[in-house]
Amino acid sequence: MLQIATGKLFSRPVGWENLLRGMLYTNATFGSEEAIETAVGKLLPSTSYSIHPRVLVYELLEQMETEEIGPGVLASSCVEPYLNDFAVVASFALNCVCTPDIDLARRLTGGKKGLATRAAPQEFVRRFFDAGLLCKPEEVAFLQEFTTQLIGLPRNTFLCVMRAIRTYINGMHRIADDLELAYTLLVASVESLAQDFDGHESDWESYDERKRRAVDGALSGADEEFAQRVREVLLRVDHTALARRFREFAICHTPPSYFREASLVTNQSLSRSDLTEVLAMAYQARSKYVHQLKRLPDVVVLGHSYGETALHERVTYLTLQGLSRLMRNVIIEFVKGQPSLEREKYNYALERSGLIQLRMAPQYWVGSAEGDVIRAGRPKLEGFLEQLGPCLLKVEGAILTDLRLVLSSVAVLLPTAKKDLRLPYLALYVLFNGVVPLEQRAPIPETIDRLIQQELTQPSAEALIAHTILGKMINWSLESHLQELENYFKRRGKPSGMRFPRSFEAAVLLDLAERYRLMGDMDNCRKMVALAVESHPGNQHLVQLEAEIAPDTPIHGVDILLPRSTSGDDAD
C-alpha cells in the first residue's frame, strides 16, 4: 500500500489527496524533536519522554488516482494499512520495536520472559527489544535512505521484499514466546527472496542425490535423448537444492563490510569461514522444525549473551543474535542492489487494502457464450450442478440458468474438440434437457447425439454425474465403476479434475452402493453408504439410511438426498 500512495504506479493524474495520521508505539527515542521526513510520510516524535512505550505520530499524504466517483470507487484506504506497512519498515530499518499495537510494544519491551522461553527477548538479541533505545542521526538517515530505495523498487520486487521484511519482523516478535518459530521465520524471510531472485536454473547435478541415482539407474540402457527428456521433465516439476539456493543467495549478499563493522565484538561475531556451515545448519533447523517440530539445540538458544555463533557437537550454529543480524543484512543488501524506477505502469487495483477476490455466483457466468467458451465446459458444468441442487430441493430463490445459448454456440466446435473439453458439454446437454420442461430444452444436433451415445456411456466423472441425476443405472463393470469413483476423488482438486456439490458426491456413492446391493455384496454396499455419510456429514437422511440399510431395500441416491416431484414441469 505504501508504494500505491506515492502515485508511482498511476497511469492517470492524481484525483484527490487525503492527509492521514495514526499512532505508532516504539522503544526508540530520537535526539531531535523535528519531524523525520521519508519517501512515504513523516514521523512526528512525541515530547513526552516519560511515556513507555514512546508515542510517534505517523503522517501520510495519500494520493488517489483520478477515476469517476460512484459505486465501487475507493475514496480512501484510511490510515490503518499504511500504518501497518510503515511500522514494519521502520522497525526493520531502525532495528527496533515499532507497532500500532501498544500492548504488543509493552510486552516486547517489558523485560519479561515468555511462557516458553528461558529469558526475556532482549537477552537473546542486542538492541531490538531494549526498553530505552536512542537512535543516532546516521540511523535516522538510514531509515530515510532505505525507505527511498524500497519505494523505488519495481512493483513485483517491492511486494516480495515487503513480504520478506514482514516475515523478518514477525520472526523477531516471536522471540518473546517461541524461539524455534522465531528462528524458522527469520530463515524464511531470506529464503523467499532466494527462490524468487537468485536466478537459479536447475541442472541434473542439483537434483537430490538419492533420487538422481535412482532415476539414472532406471534410465540405464535407455536411449540418451529419451533419458535427457525425462530428466528435464523432473527438473521442471521438482524444487531442486532449495537449501543450496538459500545458502548461496545469503553468501552472495553478505559483503566484506559485514565482517568489518566497528560494533563487532571479538570472539562473539560470525566469521567468514563459518558462513557456509552456519547457513546450512540454519536451513536444516528450519526444515526440522517445519516437518518434525524439532527443537533447536539448547546451546543455540541459551540467551544471556550476544555471541553470534555456538558450537553443538562440533558443528557451528547461528544464535538468534547472529541469525537476526545476518538475515537483516542480506535483505538490506538485496534492496540496495535492485534497480529503482520513478514511474511504473502497473495495474494495482486488486492489491489495494480491503479488497478480496471471490468467484461470482453461477447465474452471472454459467450461461455466457463469450470468450474461449470451449475451454469453459468444466466450470460451467460445476456451476450448473451448484444451481441444480437447490432447485431440486425447492429452495426459495433458487434459479437454473438457461443454457441454450451457450450450448448452441459450442455445438459446431464439439465434434473437433479434445475429448476432455467435450465431455462436460455432453453432460450439460443431457442434464439440462433432463431437468427442464420440454419446450425449454436445447436442440441436440445429430453429431452431438452420436457423441453422447458413444462417450457418456464410457467411464468418466461426467458420465457418473449424468447417470446419477437422471436416475439411470450404469452398466460398467463394478471394478470400472469403483475405479472411476476413486479417480474422481483423487482428481477433484486438480486442474484436470472436477468437483461436484457434496449432495451429488454422496449420490454417486449411493449409486455404486445400490449396484453392490443388487449383487448381494452387502459388505461393500455398507462401505459405500458409510462413505456417502462421511462425504456429506450432517445429512440426517444418509444417517437414517445407514442405520436401516437392508438387502431387500432399494437405494435411490438422488431421491434420498434431493427429494423432488416426478414432473419435469415443476423444475425452476
Protein backbone atom coordinates (compact mmCIF):
# COMPACT_ATOMS: atom_id res chain seq x y z
CA MET A 1 0.00 0.00 0.00
CA LEU A 2 2.85 2.43 0.70
CA GLN A 3 4.02 2.34 -2.90
CA ILE A 4 0.49 2.90 -4.21
CA ALA A 5 0.00 6.00 -2.06
CA THR A 6 3.00 7.75 -3.67
CA GLY A 7 1.34 7.77 -7.09
CA LYS A 8 4.30 5.95 -8.66
CA LEU A 9 2.01 3.34 -10.26
CA PHE A 10 -0.67 5.73 -11.54
CA SER A 11 -1.46 5.86 -15.24
CA ARG A 12 -3.80 8.83 -14.74
CA PRO A 13 -3.33 12.12 -12.86
CA VAL A 14 -3.81 12.37 -9.12
CA GLY A 15 -7.53 12.89 -8.49
CA TRP A 16 -7.50 13.82 -4.83
CA GLU A 17 -5.33 13.68 -1.74
CA ASN A 18 -6.06 12.70 1.85
CA LEU A 19 -3.98 13.73 4.85
CA LEU A 20 -3.88 10.70 7.15
CA ARG A 21 -2.46 10.34 10.66
CA GLY A 22 -2.04 7.40 13.00
CA MET A 23 -0.25 6.42 16.20
CA LEU A 24 2.81 4.16 16.46
CA TYR A 25 4.41 2.84 19.63
CA THR A 26 8.13 2.21 19.90
CA ASN A 27 11.09 1.80 22.20
CA ALA A 28 13.10 4.22 20.04
CA THR A 29 13.95 7.78 21.03
CA PHE A 30 15.18 10.41 18.60
CA GLY A 31 17.65 13.12 19.61
CA SER A 32 15.72 15.76 17.70
CA GLU A 33 12.08 16.70 18.15
CA GLU A 34 11.79 17.63 14.48
CA ALA A 35 9.70 15.55 12.08
CA ILE A 36 11.51 12.76 10.25
CA GLU A 37 10.63 13.03 6.56
CA THR A 38 10.61 9.83 4.46
CA ALA A 39 9.54 8.90 0.94
CA VAL A 40 6.21 7.67 2.33
CA GLY A 41 5.21 10.12 5.02
CA LYS A 42 6.81 11.50 8.14
CA LEU A 43 7.23 10.63 11.79
CA LEU A 44 6.47 13.23 14.45
CA PRO A 45 8.24 12.30 17.71
CA SER A 46 6.44 12.82 20.99
CA THR A 47 7.85 15.22 23.59
CA SER A 48 6.54 13.10 26.48
CA TYR A 49 9.67 11.09 27.33
CA SER A 50 8.10 9.61 30.47
CA ILE A 51 5.63 7.53 28.45
CA HIS A 52 6.69 3.95 27.68
CA PRO A 53 6.45 2.76 25.01
CA ARG A 54 7.05 6.07 23.29
CA VAL A 55 4.43 7.53 21.01
CA LEU A 56 5.03 8.56 17.40
CA VAL A 57 2.58 10.22 15.05
CA TYR A 58 2.77 8.91 11.50
CA GLU A 59 1.51 11.32 8.87
CA LEU A 60 0.96 10.44 5.22
CA LEU A 61 -0.46 12.34 2.25
CA GLU A 62 -2.41 9.62 0.47
CA GLN A 63 -2.72 10.16 -3.27
CA MET A 64 -5.69 8.67 -5.12
CA GLU A 65 -5.75 8.20 -8.88
CA THR A 66 -8.36 10.05 -10.92
CA GLU A 67 -11.48 7.97 -11.56
CA GLU A 68 -15.15 8.63 -11.81
CA ILE A 69 -16.79 8.90 -8.39
CA GLY A 70 -19.61 6.39 -7.98
CA PRO A 71 -20.46 2.97 -6.53
CA GLY A 72 -17.36 0.85 -6.04
CA VAL A 73 -14.91 3.77 -6.20
CA LEU A 74 -12.50 3.93 -3.26
CA ALA A 75 -12.22 7.44 -1.80
CA SER A 76 -9.54 6.47 0.76
CA SER A 77 -7.99 3.36 2.26
CA CYS A 78 -7.81 5.16 5.64
CA VAL A 79 -4.62 5.15 7.66
CA GLU A 80 -4.56 1.56 9.03
CA PRO A 81 -2.98 -0.30 6.07
CA TYR A 82 -0.33 2.41 5.64
CA LEU A 83 0.31 2.47 9.37
CA ASN A 84 0.84 -1.29 9.49
CA ASP A 85 3.19 -1.25 6.49
CA PHE A 86 5.23 1.70 7.69
CA ALA A 87 5.55 0.23 11.18
CA VAL A 88 7.15 -2.88 9.67
CA VAL A 89 9.54 -0.82 7.53
CA ALA A 90 10.53 1.48 10.41
CA SER A 91 11.02 -1.46 12.77
CA PHE A 92 13.26 -3.19 10.22
CA ALA A 93 15.28 -0.13 9.22
CA LEU A 94 15.80 1.21 12.75
CA ASN A 95 16.22 -2.28 14.26
CA CYS A 96 13.70 -1.55 17.00
CA VAL A 97 10.16 -2.34 18.09
CA CYS A 98 7.63 -0.22 16.21
CA THR A 99 3.96 -1.19 16.03
CA PRO A 100 0.43 0.30 16.04
CA ASP A 101 -0.37 -2.11 18.92
CA ILE A 102 0.53 -0.55 22.28
CA ASP A 103 0.01 -3.84 24.15
CA LEU A 104 2.42 -5.64 21.81
CA ALA A 105 5.01 -2.90 22.25
CA ARG A 106 4.70 -3.13 26.04
CA ARG A 107 5.01 -6.92 26.03
CA LEU A 108 8.07 -6.95 23.76
CA THR A 109 9.95 -4.26 25.67
CA GLY A 110 8.75 -5.04 29.19
CA GLY A 111 11.74 -7.22 30.10
CA LYS A 112 9.64 -10.27 31.00
CA LYS A 113 10.39 -13.76 29.73
CA GLY A 114 7.79 -15.61 27.69
CA LEU A 115 5.91 -18.69 28.79
CA ALA A 116 8.10 -20.99 26.67
CA THR A 117 11.42 -19.10 26.80
CA ARG A 118 14.21 -19.08 29.35
CA ALA A 119 14.76 -15.33 29.30
CA ALA A 120 13.31 -12.01 28.19
CA PRO A 121 13.64 -11.28 24.45
CA GLN A 122 16.29 -8.57 24.93
CA GLU A 123 18.62 -11.22 26.37
CA PHE A 124 18.63 -13.11 23.06
CA VAL A 125 19.11 -10.20 20.66
CA ARG A 126 21.02 -6.98 21.16
CA ARG A 127 19.22 -3.62 20.85
CA PHE A 128 15.91 -4.56 19.20
CA PHE A 129 13.93 -5.09 22.44
CA ASP A 130 15.73 -2.61 24.73
CA ALA A 131 13.36 -0.52 26.83
CA GLY A 132 15.22 2.69 26.02
CA LEU A 133 16.84 2.97 22.61
CA LEU A 134 18.40 6.19 21.36
CA CYS A 135 18.55 6.36 17.55
CA LYS A 136 21.62 8.15 16.24
CA PRO A 137 21.38 10.66 13.36
CA GLU A 138 23.00 8.17 10.98
CA GLU A 139 20.35 5.57 11.86
CA VAL A 140 17.58 8.05 11.12
CA ALA A 141 19.33 8.85 7.83
CA PHE A 142 19.41 5.13 7.03
CA LEU A 143 15.63 4.90 7.61
CA GLN A 144 15.14 7.71 5.10
CA GLU A 145 17.57 6.23 2.57
CA PHE A 146 16.20 2.68 2.89
CA THR A 147 12.60 3.86 2.53
CA THR A 148 13.50 5.73 -0.67
CA GLN A 149 15.23 2.63 -2.07
CA LEU A 150 12.29 0.44 -1.08
CA ILE A 151 9.65 2.63 -2.72
CA GLY A 152 11.78 2.87 -5.87
CA LEU A 153 11.78 -0.90 -6.44
CA PRO A 154 9.83 -2.38 -9.36
CA ARG A 155 6.39 -3.36 -8.10
CA ASN A 156 6.84 -7.15 -8.10
CA THR A 157 10.19 -6.81 -6.33
CA PHE A 158 8.66 -4.41 -3.81
CA LEU A 159 5.90 -6.87 -2.95
CA CYS A 160 8.40 -9.69 -2.42
CA VAL A 161 10.68 -7.52 -0.26
CA MET A 162 7.74 -6.34 1.86
CA ARG A 163 6.76 -9.97 2.45
CA ALA A 164 10.35 -10.74 3.46
CA ILE A 165 10.54 -7.74 5.81
CA ARG A 166 7.17 -8.54 7.39
CA THR A 167 8.23 -12.16 7.93
CA TYR A 168 11.51 -10.98 9.46
CA ILE A 169 9.70 -8.68 11.91
CA ASN A 170 7.17 -11.40 12.75
CA GLY A 171 10.14 -13.66 13.50
CA MET A 172 11.66 -11.06 15.81
CA HIS A 173 8.34 -10.71 17.65
CA ARG A 174 8.18 -14.48 18.16
CA ILE A 175 11.41 -14.38 20.17
CA ALA A 176 9.17 -13.32 23.03
CA ASP A 177 7.28 -16.62 23.05
CA ASP A 178 8.57 -19.31 20.65
CA LEU A 179 12.28 -19.45 19.84
CA GLU A 180 12.06 -22.25 17.25
CA LEU A 181 9.29 -20.47 15.35
CA ALA A 182 11.27 -17.23 15.51
CA TYR A 183 14.33 -18.99 14.07
CA THR A 184 12.24 -20.54 11.29
CA LEU A 185 10.62 -17.23 10.29
CA LEU A 186 13.96 -15.43 10.18
CA VAL A 187 15.31 -18.07 7.79
CA ALA A 188 12.10 -17.97 5.75
CA SER A 189 12.36 -14.21 5.25
CA VAL A 190 15.51 -14.64 3.15
CA GLU A 191 14.53 -18.00 1.67
CA SER A 192 11.52 -16.34 -0.01
CA LEU A 193 13.82 -13.86 -1.76
CA ALA A 194 16.26 -16.58 -2.74
CA GLN A 195 13.57 -18.57 -4.52
CA ASP A 196 12.33 -15.55 -6.47
CA PHE A 197 15.53 -13.66 -7.24
CA ASP A 198 18.57 -15.93 -7.18
CA GLY A 199 18.39 -16.53 -10.95
CA HIS A 200 18.68 -20.26 -10.30
CA GLU A 201 18.38 -22.64 -13.23
CA SER A 202 18.08 -26.28 -12.23
CA ASP A 203 20.61 -28.79 -13.51
CA TRP A 204 20.75 -32.53 -13.03
CA GLU A 205 23.63 -32.31 -10.55
CA SER A 206 21.46 -30.08 -8.34
CA TYR A 207 18.82 -32.80 -8.09
CA ASP A 208 18.56 -34.74 -4.83
CA GLU A 209 21.38 -37.28 -4.96
CA ARG A 210 19.29 -40.22 -3.76
CA LYS A 211 16.59 -39.51 -6.34
CA ARG A 212 19.15 -38.78 -9.06
CA ARG A 213 20.88 -42.14 -8.64
CA ALA A 214 17.56 -43.99 -8.65
CA VAL A 215 16.42 -42.26 -11.84
CA ASP A 216 19.78 -42.73 -13.56
CA GLY A 217 19.65 -46.42 -12.66
CA ALA A 218 16.15 -46.77 -14.08
CA LEU A 219 17.23 -44.99 -17.28
CA SER A 220 20.37 -47.06 -17.82
CA GLY A 221 20.22 -48.64 -21.23
CA ALA A 222 17.53 -46.23 -22.44
CA ASP A 223 18.04 -44.03 -25.47
CA GLU A 224 20.07 -40.99 -24.35
CA GLU A 225 17.70 -38.49 -25.96
CA PHE A 226 14.73 -40.07 -24.15
CA ALA A 227 16.65 -40.18 -20.86
CA GLN A 228 17.52 -36.49 -21.16
CA ARG A 229 13.86 -35.59 -21.77
CA VAL A 230 12.87 -37.50 -18.62
CA ARG A 231 15.49 -35.62 -16.58
CA GLU A 232 14.34 -32.26 -17.94
CA VAL A 233 10.72 -33.01 -17.03
CA LEU A 234 11.73 -33.97 -13.50
CA LEU A 235 13.74 -30.77 -13.13
CA ARG A 236 10.78 -28.67 -14.27
CA VAL A 237 8.35 -30.15 -11.76
CA ASP A 238 10.65 -30.56 -8.75
CA HIS A 239 12.25 -27.96 -6.47
CA THR A 240 15.96 -28.69 -6.56
CA ALA A 241 18.53 -27.84 -3.95
CA LEU A 242 16.43 -25.33 -2.01
CA ALA A 243 18.91 -25.37 0.86
CA ARG A 244 21.79 -24.68 -1.50
CA ARG A 245 19.93 -21.83 -3.16
CA PHE A 246 19.21 -20.22 0.21
CA ARG A 247 22.84 -20.61 1.25
CA GLU A 248 24.32 -19.21 -1.96
CA PHE A 249 21.87 -16.29 -2.03
CA ALA A 250 22.77 -15.31 1.53
CA ILE A 251 26.51 -15.61 0.84
CA CYS A 252 26.17 -13.53 -2.33
CA HIS A 253 24.51 -10.74 -0.32
CA THR A 254 26.99 -10.75 2.56
CA PRO A 255 29.68 -8.22 1.55
CA PRO A 256 33.16 -7.92 3.13
CA SER A 257 31.97 -4.89 5.11
CA TYR A 258 29.71 -7.19 7.13
CA PHE A 259 32.78 -8.58 8.90
CA ARG A 260 34.33 -5.13 9.44
CA GLU A 261 31.63 -3.23 11.32
CA ALA A 262 33.03 -1.16 14.21
CA SER A 263 30.42 -2.53 16.65
CA LEU A 264 31.55 -6.16 16.29
CA VAL A 265 32.90 -7.86 19.41
CA THR A 266 35.97 -10.07 19.19
CA ASN A 267 35.25 -13.79 19.58
CA GLN A 268 31.49 -13.16 19.57
CA SER A 269 30.89 -12.35 15.90
CA LEU A 270 30.30 -14.55 12.87
CA SER A 271 33.39 -15.27 10.78
CA ARG A 272 33.58 -15.64 7.02
CA SER A 273 34.95 -19.18 7.36
CA ASP A 274 31.83 -20.25 9.31
CA LEU A 275 29.33 -18.66 6.93
CA THR A 276 28.65 -21.65 4.67
CA GLU A 277 28.30 -24.04 7.60
CA VAL A 278 26.01 -21.88 9.72
CA LEU A 279 23.69 -21.16 6.79
CA ALA A 280 23.42 -24.87 6.06
CA MET A 281 22.58 -25.61 9.70
CA ALA A 282 20.08 -22.71 9.85
CA TYR A 283 18.18 -24.11 6.89
CA GLN A 284 18.34 -27.60 8.37
CA ALA A 285 16.97 -26.30 11.69
CA ARG A 286 14.15 -24.57 9.83
CA SER A 287 13.26 -27.78 7.97
CA LYS A 288 13.36 -29.93 11.10
CA TYR A 289 11.03 -27.54 12.88
CA VAL A 290 8.58 -27.26 9.98
CA HIS A 291 8.40 -31.01 9.33
CA GLN A 292 9.13 -32.54 12.74
CA LEU A 293 8.78 -29.72 15.30
CA LYS A 294 12.37 -30.42 16.37
CA ARG A 295 13.74 -28.03 18.97
CA LEU A 296 16.94 -26.08 18.49
CA PRO A 297 19.98 -27.30 20.45
CA ASP A 298 20.00 -25.76 23.93
CA VAL A 299 23.33 -24.06 23.39
CA VAL A 300 21.86 -22.14 20.44
CA VAL A 301 19.04 -20.60 22.49
CA LEU A 302 20.67 -20.07 25.88
CA GLY A 303 20.47 -16.28 25.71
CA HIS A 304 22.27 -14.13 28.32
CA SER A 305 24.99 -13.17 25.83
CA TYR A 306 25.15 -11.79 22.33
CA GLY A 307 27.51 -14.26 20.74
CA GLU A 308 26.55 -14.83 17.11
CA THR A 309 27.55 -18.49 16.88
CA ALA A 310 27.51 -21.53 19.13
CA LEU A 311 29.07 -25.00 18.83
CA HIS A 312 26.89 -28.08 19.12
CA GLU A 313 28.57 -31.45 18.59
CA ARG A 314 31.46 -29.70 16.80
CA VAL A 315 29.07 -28.05 14.35
CA THR A 316 28.65 -24.25 14.27
CA TYR A 317 25.15 -22.79 14.55
CA LEU A 318 23.91 -19.22 14.37
CA THR A 319 22.32 -17.94 17.57
CA LEU A 320 19.24 -15.75 17.34
CA GLN A 321 21.57 -12.76 17.62
CA GLY A 322 23.71 -13.97 14.73
CA LEU A 323 20.78 -15.08 12.57
CA SER A 324 18.79 -11.88 13.02
CA ARG A 325 21.78 -9.67 12.15
CA LEU A 326 22.72 -11.79 9.13
CA MET A 327 19.20 -12.09 7.65
CA ARG A 328 18.57 -8.36 8.12
CA ASN A 329 21.84 -7.55 6.36
CA VAL A 330 21.03 -9.88 3.44
CA ILE A 331 17.66 -8.20 2.87
CA ILE A 332 19.22 -4.73 3.05
CA GLU A 333 21.98 -5.67 0.59
CA PHE A 334 19.44 -7.17 -1.78
CA VAL A 335 17.38 -3.96 -1.78
CA LYS A 336 20.49 -1.87 -2.39
CA GLY A 337 21.35 -3.90 -5.47
CA GLN A 338 17.98 -3.58 -7.19
CA PRO A 339 17.10 -1.04 -9.90
CA SER A 340 14.99 1.98 -8.98
CA LEU A 341 12.04 3.26 -11.00
CA GLU A 342 10.42 6.67 -10.65
CA ARG A 343 7.30 5.61 -12.56
CA GLU A 344 5.92 2.22 -13.47
CA LYS A 345 2.82 1.21 -15.42
CA TYR A 346 1.14 -1.35 -13.21
CA ASN A 347 -2.44 -2.44 -12.51
CA TYR A 348 -2.61 -2.32 -8.71
CA ALA A 349 -6.42 -2.27 -8.45
CA LEU A 350 -6.73 -5.67 -6.77
CA GLU A 351 -3.78 -5.04 -4.42
CA ARG A 352 -5.44 -2.23 -2.51
CA SER A 353 -6.30 -2.83 1.13
CA GLY A 354 -9.64 -4.40 1.94
CA LEU A 355 -10.20 -5.93 -1.50
CA ILE A 356 -10.69 -9.68 -1.89
CA GLN A 357 -11.37 -11.87 -4.93
CA LEU A 358 -14.19 -14.39 -4.93
CA ARG A 359 -15.84 -16.34 -7.71
CA MET A 360 -19.17 -14.85 -8.76
CA ALA A 361 -22.34 -16.91 -8.34
CA PRO A 362 -23.00 -19.21 -11.34
CA GLN A 363 -26.00 -17.27 -12.61
CA TYR A 364 -23.66 -14.46 -13.69
CA TRP A 365 -21.44 -16.56 -15.97
CA VAL A 366 -22.63 -20.13 -16.47
CA GLY A 367 -24.86 -19.22 -19.42
CA SER A 368 -22.41 -16.82 -21.08
CA ALA A 369 -21.16 -17.66 -24.57
CA GLU A 370 -18.34 -15.07 -24.53
CA GLY A 371 -14.61 -15.71 -24.54
CA ASP A 372 -12.92 -19.08 -25.05
CA VAL A 373 -16.15 -20.94 -24.39
CA ILE A 374 -14.90 -24.36 -25.50
CA ARG A 375 -12.44 -24.45 -22.59
CA ALA A 376 -15.06 -23.33 -20.07
CA GLY A 377 -17.06 -26.56 -20.09
CA ARG A 378 -15.77 -27.93 -16.79
CA PRO A 379 -16.50 -24.80 -14.68
CA LYS A 380 -19.86 -24.39 -16.45
CA LEU A 381 -20.84 -27.95 -15.54
CA GLU A 382 -19.76 -27.33 -11.93
CA GLY A 383 -21.75 -24.08 -11.86
CA PHE A 384 -24.83 -25.79 -13.32
CA LEU A 385 -24.66 -28.52 -10.64
CA GLU A 386 -24.29 -25.83 -7.98
CA GLN A 387 -27.57 -24.33 -9.19
CA LEU A 388 -29.36 -27.64 -9.75
CA GLY A 389 -29.20 -28.94 -6.17
CA PRO A 390 -31.15 -26.03 -4.60
CA CYS A 391 -33.64 -26.13 -7.48
CA LEU A 392 -34.39 -29.81 -6.90
CA LEU A 393 -34.79 -29.09 -3.19
CA LYS A 394 -37.18 -26.23 -3.98
CA VAL A 395 -35.04 -23.73 -2.07
CA GLU A 396 -36.64 -20.28 -2.12
CA GLY A 397 -34.95 -18.06 -4.69
CA ALA A 398 -33.09 -20.92 -6.41
CA ILE A 399 -32.71 -20.47 -10.16
CA LEU A 400 -31.48 -22.55 -13.06
CA THR A 401 -29.77 -20.56 -15.81
CA ASP A 402 -30.92 -21.07 -19.39
CA LEU A 403 -28.03 -22.81 -21.16
CA ARG A 404 -29.48 -22.89 -24.69
CA LEU A 405 -27.33 -20.00 -25.94
CA VAL A 406 -24.01 -21.43 -24.71
CA LEU A 407 -24.87 -24.97 -25.85
CA SER A 408 -25.80 -23.81 -29.34
CA SER A 409 -22.60 -21.75 -29.57
CA VAL A 410 -20.37 -24.76 -28.83
CA ALA A 411 -22.33 -27.30 -30.89
CA VAL A 412 -20.23 -26.72 -34.02
CA LEU A 413 -16.98 -26.86 -32.02
CA LEU A 414 -17.55 -30.05 -30.04
CA PRO A 415 -17.02 -32.66 -32.79
CA THR A 416 -13.42 -31.48 -33.37
CA ALA A 417 -12.61 -30.58 -29.74
CA LYS A 418 -10.46 -32.73 -27.47
CA LYS A 419 -12.42 -35.31 -25.51
CA ASP A 420 -11.66 -33.76 -22.10
CA LEU A 421 -13.04 -30.42 -23.35
CA ARG A 422 -16.05 -32.07 -24.97
CA LEU A 423 -17.29 -34.32 -22.14
CA PRO A 424 -18.53 -31.52 -19.80
CA TYR A 425 -20.69 -30.09 -22.56
CA LEU A 426 -22.09 -33.50 -23.47
CA ALA A 427 -23.07 -33.93 -19.82
CA LEU A 428 -24.58 -30.42 -19.80
CA TYR A 429 -26.72 -31.28 -22.83
CA VAL A 430 -28.29 -34.35 -21.23
CA LEU A 431 -28.58 -32.86 -17.74
CA PHE A 432 -30.06 -29.54 -18.83
CA ASN A 433 -32.57 -31.21 -21.15
CA GLY A 434 -33.33 -33.79 -18.46
CA VAL A 435 -34.50 -31.31 -15.83
CA VAL A 436 -36.23 -28.50 -17.78
CA PRO A 437 -39.66 -28.63 -19.42
CA LEU A 438 -39.83 -29.94 -22.97
CA GLU A 439 -40.33 -26.52 -24.57
CA GLN A 440 -37.20 -25.13 -22.87
CA ARG A 441 -34.80 -27.86 -23.96
CA ALA A 442 -31.75 -27.19 -26.11
CA PRO A 443 -31.85 -28.79 -29.58
CA ILE A 444 -29.30 -31.59 -29.92
CA PRO A 445 -27.69 -31.90 -33.37
CA GLU A 446 -27.26 -35.42 -34.70
CA THR A 447 -23.45 -35.25 -34.41
CA ILE A 448 -23.74 -34.26 -30.74
CA ASP A 449 -26.28 -37.01 -30.09
CA ARG A 450 -23.87 -39.61 -31.50
CA LEU A 451 -21.08 -38.31 -29.27
CA ILE A 452 -23.39 -38.51 -26.24
CA GLN A 453 -24.20 -42.16 -27.03
CA GLN A 454 -20.55 -43.01 -27.60
CA GLU A 455 -18.76 -41.08 -24.85
CA LEU A 456 -21.20 -40.67 -21.97
CA THR A 457 -21.55 -44.44 -21.79
CA GLN A 458 -17.82 -44.80 -21.07
CA PRO A 459 -16.31 -44.31 -17.57
CA SER A 460 -15.74 -40.63 -16.68
CA ALA A 461 -16.70 -38.19 -13.94
CA GLU A 462 -19.13 -36.53 -16.36
CA ALA A 463 -20.82 -39.88 -17.07
CA LEU A 464 -21.03 -40.63 -13.34
CA ILE A 465 -22.94 -37.47 -12.53
CA ALA A 466 -25.16 -37.65 -15.63
CA HIS A 467 -26.29 -41.22 -14.85
CA THR A 468 -26.85 -40.38 -11.19
CA ILE A 469 -29.00 -37.28 -11.69
CA LEU A 470 -31.04 -38.80 -14.47
CA GLY A 471 -31.58 -41.99 -12.42
CA LYS A 472 -30.05 -44.34 -15.00
CA MET A 473 -28.18 -47.47 -13.94
CA ILE A 474 -24.53 -47.60 -15.00
CA ASN A 475 -23.63 -50.72 -16.98
CA TRP A 476 -19.85 -50.65 -16.47
CA SER A 477 -18.20 -53.44 -14.53
CA LEU A 478 -18.18 -52.95 -10.76
CA GLU A 479 -14.38 -52.66 -10.89
CA SER A 480 -14.56 -49.87 -13.50
CA HIS A 481 -17.32 -48.10 -11.57
CA LEU A 482 -15.31 -48.19 -8.34
CA GLN A 483 -12.14 -47.12 -10.14
CA GLU A 484 -13.86 -44.11 -11.72
CA LEU A 485 -15.23 -43.04 -8.34
CA GLU A 486 -11.77 -43.28 -6.80
CA ASN A 487 -10.33 -41.33 -9.74
CA TYR A 488 -12.92 -38.61 -9.19
CA PHE A 489 -11.98 -38.09 -5.54
CA LYS A 490 -8.25 -38.17 -6.34
CA ARG A 491 -8.52 -35.61 -9.15
CA ARG A 492 -11.28 -33.27 -7.97
CA GLY A 493 -8.84 -30.71 -6.56
CA LYS A 494 -6.51 -30.80 -9.57
CA PRO A 495 -6.75 -28.55 -12.67
CA SER A 496 -7.86 -31.53 -14.75
CA GLY A 497 -10.45 -32.65 -12.20
CA MET A 498 -14.00 -31.66 -11.40
CA ARG A 499 -15.79 -31.08 -8.09
CA PHE A 500 -19.46 -31.89 -7.55
CA PRO A 501 -21.53 -30.38 -4.72
CA ARG A 502 -21.47 -32.60 -1.63
CA SER A 503 -25.01 -33.87 -2.14
CA PHE A 504 -24.13 -35.13 -5.61
CA GLU A 505 -20.88 -36.69 -4.37
CA ALA A 506 -22.92 -38.67 -1.86
CA ALA A 507 -25.44 -39.57 -4.55
CA VAL A 508 -22.83 -41.10 -6.90
CA LEU A 509 -21.53 -43.17 -3.96
CA LEU A 510 -25.05 -44.43 -3.26
CA ASP A 511 -25.42 -45.47 -6.90
CA LEU A 512 -22.47 -47.82 -6.52
CA ALA A 513 -23.84 -48.98 -3.15
CA GLU A 514 -27.09 -49.94 -4.91
CA ARG A 515 -25.19 -51.97 -7.50
CA TYR A 516 -23.39 -53.85 -4.73
CA ARG A 517 -26.75 -54.48 -3.03
CA LEU A 518 -28.22 -55.94 -6.21
CA MET A 519 -25.20 -58.26 -6.47
CA GLY A 520 -25.72 -59.39 -2.88
CA ASP A 521 -22.43 -57.84 -1.71
CA MET A 522 -23.71 -56.13 1.44
CA ASP A 523 -20.25 -55.54 2.90
CA ASN A 524 -19.23 -53.27 0.00
CA CYS A 525 -22.74 -51.80 -0.09
CA ARG A 526 -22.44 -50.72 3.54
CA LYS A 527 -18.93 -49.43 2.84
CA MET A 528 -20.20 -47.15 0.06
CA VAL A 529 -23.10 -45.92 2.20
CA ALA A 530 -20.65 -45.14 5.02
CA LEU A 531 -18.50 -43.15 2.58
CA ALA A 532 -21.60 -41.25 1.46
CA VAL A 533 -22.42 -40.38 5.10
CA GLU A 534 -18.87 -39.18 5.70
CA SER A 535 -18.77 -37.26 2.40
CA HIS A 536 -21.88 -35.31 3.37
CA PRO A 537 -21.71 -35.01 7.17
CA GLY A 538 -24.77 -33.65 8.88
CA ASN A 539 -27.27 -35.08 6.39
CA GLN A 540 -29.76 -36.99 8.52
CA HIS A 541 -31.32 -38.79 5.54
CA LEU A 542 -27.97 -40.51 4.98
CA VAL A 543 -27.53 -41.33 8.66
CA GLN A 544 -31.00 -42.88 8.69
CA LEU A 545 -30.24 -44.85 5.51
CA GLU A 546 -27.05 -46.22 7.07
CA ALA A 547 -28.97 -47.36 10.15
CA GLU A 548 -31.79 -49.02 8.18
CA ILE A 549 -29.93 -50.49 5.22
CA ALA A 550 -31.16 -53.97 4.29
CA PRO A 551 -30.60 -56.44 1.40
CA ASP A 552 -34.18 -56.04 0.18
CA THR A 553 -34.39 -52.23 0.42
CA PRO A 554 -33.51 -50.35 -2.81
CA ILE A 555 -31.20 -47.30 -2.58
CA HIS A 556 -32.09 -44.33 -4.77
CA GLY A 557 -29.32 -41.80 -4.13
CA VAL A 558 -30.76 -38.64 -5.70
CA ASP A 559 -34.22 -39.25 -4.27
CA ILE A 560 -32.75 -39.68 -0.78
CA LEU A 561 -30.59 -36.57 -0.96
CA LEU A 562 -32.63 -34.35 -3.27
CA PRO A 563 -36.32 -35.29 -2.99
CA ARG A 564 -38.33 -33.81 -5.86
CA SER A 565 -41.62 -34.15 -7.68
CA THR A 566 -41.91 -36.57 -10.60
CA SER A 567 -42.99 -33.93 -13.12
CA GLY A 568 -40.32 -32.24 -15.19
CA ASP A 569 -42.65 -29.25 -15.49
CA ASP A 570 -42.03 -28.46 -11.82
CA ALA A 571 -38.37 -27.62 -12.45
CA ASP A 572 -37.50 -23.94 -11.96
